[in-house]
Protein backbone atom coordinates (compact mmCIF):
# COMPACT_ATOMS: atom_id res chain seq x y z
CA MET A 1 87.26 87.30 -33.76
CA ASP A 2 90.45 88.78 -32.79
CA LEU A 3 91.77 86.93 -29.62
CA SER A 4 94.72 89.32 -29.03
CA PRO A 5 92.79 91.50 -26.60
CA ILE A 6 92.16 88.42 -24.53
CA ALA A 7 95.64 87.33 -24.55
CA LEU A 8 96.83 90.91 -23.57
CA THR A 9 94.39 90.91 -20.84
CA LEU A 10 95.49 87.80 -19.35
CA LYS A 11 99.07 88.73 -19.63
CA LEU A 12 98.38 92.21 -17.87
CA ALA A 13 96.43 90.50 -14.98
CA ALA A 14 99.18 87.85 -14.61
CA ILE A 15 101.91 90.58 -14.32
CA THR A 16 99.87 92.71 -12.24
CA THR A 17 98.98 90.02 -9.86
CA LEU A 18 102.48 88.78 -9.49
CA LEU A 19 103.95 92.30 -8.82
CA LEU A 20 101.13 92.93 -6.17
CA LEU A 21 101.87 89.57 -4.50
CA ILE A 22 105.52 90.46 -4.33
CA ILE A 23 105.13 93.90 -3.16
CA GLY A 24 101.67 93.66 -1.43
CA LEU A 25 102.61 90.98 0.99
CA PRO A 26 105.12 92.89 3.06
CA ILE A 27 102.74 96.10 2.75
CA ALA A 28 99.79 94.18 4.32
CA TRP A 29 102.05 92.58 6.95
CA TRP A 30 103.41 96.07 7.91
CA LEU A 31 99.94 97.50 7.99
CA SER A 32 98.63 94.55 10.32
CA LYS A 33 101.13 95.35 13.05
CA GLY A 34 99.83 98.00 15.15
CA ARG A 35 98.46 101.36 14.23
CA SER A 36 99.97 104.91 13.53
CA ILE A 37 99.09 107.98 11.82
CA LEU A 38 101.45 107.07 9.08
CA LYS A 39 99.98 103.63 8.59
CA THR A 40 96.54 105.29 8.49
CA ILE A 41 97.43 107.51 5.77
CA ILE A 42 99.08 104.94 3.70
CA GLU A 43 96.08 102.56 4.09
CA ALA A 44 93.63 105.40 3.12
CA ILE A 45 95.82 105.94 -0.04
CA ILE A 46 95.88 102.06 -1.00
CA THR A 47 92.09 102.18 -0.39
CA LEU A 48 91.35 105.19 -2.53
CA PRO A 49 90.87 103.22 -5.73
CA LEU A 50 87.91 101.56 -4.13
CA ILE A 51 86.18 104.74 -3.89
CA LEU A 52 87.37 106.94 -6.72
CA PRO A 53 85.71 106.60 -10.17
CA PRO A 54 88.10 104.69 -12.54
CA SER A 55 88.32 107.64 -14.92
CA VAL A 56 89.42 110.04 -12.23
CA LEU A 57 92.26 107.77 -11.04
CA GLY A 58 93.20 107.31 -14.94
CA PHE A 59 93.09 111.04 -15.58
CA TYR A 60 95.49 111.80 -12.81
CA LEU A 61 97.78 109.13 -13.82
CA LEU A 62 97.66 110.45 -17.33
CA LEU A 63 98.70 113.87 -16.03
CA ALA A 64 101.39 112.49 -13.70
CA PHE A 65 103.02 110.37 -16.25
CA SER A 66 102.57 112.52 -19.52
CA PRO A 67 105.82 112.91 -21.39
CA ARG A 68 105.44 116.70 -21.44
CA ARG A 69 105.37 117.22 -17.79
CA GLY A 70 106.27 116.28 -14.32
CA ILE A 71 107.44 112.58 -13.58
CA GLY A 72 106.61 111.58 -17.06
CA LYS A 73 108.83 114.10 -18.56
CA TRP A 74 111.63 113.19 -16.15
CA LEU A 75 111.23 109.50 -16.85
CA GLN A 76 111.18 110.09 -20.72
CA HIS A 77 114.32 112.17 -20.48
CA MET A 78 116.44 110.18 -18.02
CA PHE A 79 115.39 106.59 -18.81
CA ASP A 80 113.46 106.93 -22.27
CA VAL A 81 110.46 105.20 -20.50
CA GLN A 82 106.90 106.29 -21.35
CA PHE A 83 104.00 104.95 -19.35
CA VAL A 84 101.12 106.81 -21.42
CA PHE A 85 99.73 104.79 -24.21
CA SER A 86 102.14 101.85 -23.55
CA PHE A 87 101.67 98.46 -21.92
CA GLN A 88 103.93 99.62 -19.01
CA GLY A 89 101.26 102.15 -18.33
CA LEU A 90 98.50 99.65 -18.09
CA VAL A 91 100.61 97.55 -15.62
CA LEU A 92 101.23 100.68 -13.52
CA ALA A 93 97.62 101.80 -13.53
CA SER A 94 96.53 98.11 -12.86
CA PHE A 95 99.01 97.91 -10.03
CA ILE A 96 97.53 100.98 -8.30
CA TYR A 97 94.02 100.21 -9.04
CA SER A 98 94.18 96.67 -7.97
CA MET A 99 96.31 96.91 -4.79
CA PRO A 100 93.41 97.20 -2.34
CA PHE A 101 92.19 93.69 -3.74
CA MET A 102 95.60 92.18 -2.69
CA THR A 103 96.43 94.03 0.58
CA GLY A 104 92.96 93.98 2.11
CA PRO A 105 92.33 90.26 2.54
CA ILE A 106 95.94 89.51 3.61
CA LYS A 107 95.95 92.26 6.03
CA SER A 108 92.59 91.42 7.64
CA ALA A 109 93.70 87.81 7.92
CA LEU A 110 97.06 88.44 9.47
CA GLN A 111 95.26 90.68 12.12
CA GLN A 112 92.96 87.65 13.05
CA LEU A 113 95.76 85.49 13.76
CA PRO A 114 96.72 85.19 17.48
CA ALA A 115 99.94 87.08 18.59
CA SER A 116 101.15 83.90 20.22
CA LEU A 117 101.79 82.32 16.99
CA ALA A 118 104.58 84.78 15.97
CA GLN A 119 105.76 84.96 19.56
CA ALA A 120 106.15 81.14 19.72
CA SER A 121 108.03 81.37 16.41
CA TYR A 122 110.48 84.23 17.79
CA THR A 123 110.92 82.18 20.88
CA LEU A 124 112.06 79.07 18.59
CA GLY A 125 114.88 81.46 17.05
CA LYS A 126 113.06 82.15 13.89
CA THR A 127 113.57 85.77 12.27
CA LYS A 128 110.67 87.87 11.44
CA ARG A 129 111.09 86.98 7.71
CA GLU A 130 111.08 83.36 8.51
CA THR A 131 107.99 83.73 10.77
CA PHE A 132 106.09 85.55 8.11
CA ILE A 133 106.87 83.01 5.26
CA LYS A 134 106.99 79.79 7.28
CA VAL A 135 104.45 80.48 10.04
CA LEU A 136 101.93 83.15 9.24
CA LEU A 137 101.39 82.71 5.58
CA PRO A 138 100.63 78.91 5.80
CA ASN A 139 97.93 80.00 8.25
CA ILE A 140 96.07 82.34 5.92
CA LYS A 141 96.13 80.29 2.74
CA PRO A 142 92.44 80.82 2.15
CA SER A 143 92.70 84.65 2.40
CA LEU A 144 95.91 84.70 0.31
CA PHE A 145 94.44 82.53 -2.49
CA THR A 146 91.29 84.78 -2.40
CA ALA A 147 93.34 87.92 -2.69
CA ILE A 148 95.34 86.58 -5.68
CA VAL A 149 92.17 85.51 -7.59
CA LEU A 150 90.35 88.74 -6.77
CA THR A 151 93.25 90.82 -8.05
CA PHE A 152 93.53 88.77 -11.19
CA ALA A 153 89.74 88.81 -11.94
CA HIS A 154 89.54 92.57 -10.94
CA THR A 155 92.58 93.35 -13.42
CA MET A 156 90.85 91.67 -16.11
CA GLY A 157 87.64 93.68 -15.81
CA GLU A 158 89.34 96.97 -15.64
CA PHE A 159 88.02 99.68 -18.19
CA GLY A 160 88.21 103.26 -17.20
CA VAL A 161 91.83 103.37 -15.84
CA VAL A 162 93.40 101.44 -18.57
CA LEU A 163 91.48 103.35 -21.33
CA MET A 164 92.48 106.69 -19.80
CA ILE A 165 96.22 105.90 -19.65
CA GLY A 166 96.62 103.31 -22.56
CA GLY A 167 94.23 104.39 -25.04
CA ASN A 168 92.96 101.74 -27.57
CA ILE A 169 96.00 100.61 -29.39
CA PRO A 170 95.77 97.09 -31.01
CA ASN A 171 98.22 94.39 -29.77
CA VAL A 172 99.78 97.15 -27.20
CA THR A 173 96.80 98.54 -24.98
CA ARG A 174 93.73 97.02 -26.38
CA VAL A 175 92.62 94.81 -23.56
CA ALA A 176 89.25 92.87 -23.72
CA SER A 177 86.99 95.34 -21.86
CA ILE A 178 88.12 97.98 -24.28
CA ALA A 179 87.38 95.49 -27.21
CA VAL A 180 83.97 95.11 -25.80
CA TYR A 181 83.47 98.88 -25.78
CA ASP A 182 84.94 99.30 -29.09
CA SER A 183 82.75 96.61 -30.76
CA VAL A 184 79.58 98.06 -29.02
CA GLU A 185 80.59 101.52 -30.65
CA ARG A 186 80.56 99.95 -34.04
CA MET A 187 77.42 98.22 -33.33
CA ASP A 188 79.14 94.76 -33.71
CA TYR A 189 77.15 93.09 -30.97
CA SER A 190 78.08 89.57 -31.77
CA THR A 191 81.77 90.34 -31.39
CA ALA A 192 81.06 92.30 -28.01
CA SER A 193 79.01 89.32 -26.87
CA ALA A 194 81.89 86.83 -27.56
CA TYR A 195 84.41 88.88 -25.80
CA SER A 196 82.00 89.42 -22.71
CA LEU A 197 81.18 85.73 -22.70
CA ILE A 198 84.98 84.58 -22.56
CA LEU A 199 85.55 87.31 -19.69
CA LEU A 200 82.37 86.09 -17.93
CA SER A 201 83.51 82.50 -18.14
CA ILE A 202 86.97 82.94 -16.96
CA THR A 203 85.80 85.17 -13.94
CA PHE A 204 83.18 82.71 -13.16
CA VAL A 205 85.53 79.70 -13.03
CA MET A 206 87.88 81.68 -10.83
CA VAL A 207 85.35 82.65 -8.43
CA ILE A 208 83.95 79.09 -8.11
CA THR A 209 87.52 78.06 -7.55
CA VAL A 210 87.86 80.29 -4.69
CA PHE A 211 84.67 79.03 -3.05
CA ILE A 212 85.54 75.55 -3.46
CA PHE A 213 89.29 76.05 -2.27
CA ASN A 214 88.06 77.92 0.92
CA LYS A 215 85.49 75.15 1.74
CA TYR A 216 88.15 72.52 1.43
CA GLN A 217 90.48 74.45 3.61
CA ALA A 218 87.71 75.22 6.14
CA LYS A 219 86.98 71.54 6.68
CA SER A 220 88.22 69.97 9.93
CA PRO A 221 90.60 67.07 9.87
CA LEU A 222 87.69 64.71 11.22
CA GLU A 223 85.53 65.28 8.28
């Protein structure tokens, strides 16, 4: 069995999760602070991947970043960058498709924190950035860890989006989910089963880890 799709999947999930952690944290923080029409619209856009069929999102990304039109043509001409049928395209698609799994739990956790926590930090002379990093984030560790694991696991299982924008190119865009599909198409059920078992095992371990971590965090100091 060729293990390159598994390695590519783990690489894609790791890069996507890291990017979403860097960019998704400030977005979740901003969305958690009050309501406005702009925030409602942006939150709706971020949530769309949870509702849209993956093939629909992948189709629109394919059109948008095609080197023959629109943004894709401009990127190809100006920077010689092509997202369609490339690993960069997989990262872009995964970033958009997995964003609600990162921002959702973090935003909800931040909204549940008492406002007095941040106010006390400001009173002590801390900036908003220091308050967010040193005060708020340590108080939502279970939700933060859950968001990271959910994002990683969700990216590993993507199929429709990555197939539409990346295709099935060995060692470039052929991730594990596509390898499973390809094996089934060839009626090579033993290989499909092996890929599926690896993905299932990794995902199961990650989910169990979340439950154990959250249970440990929920224990009181007296236990």
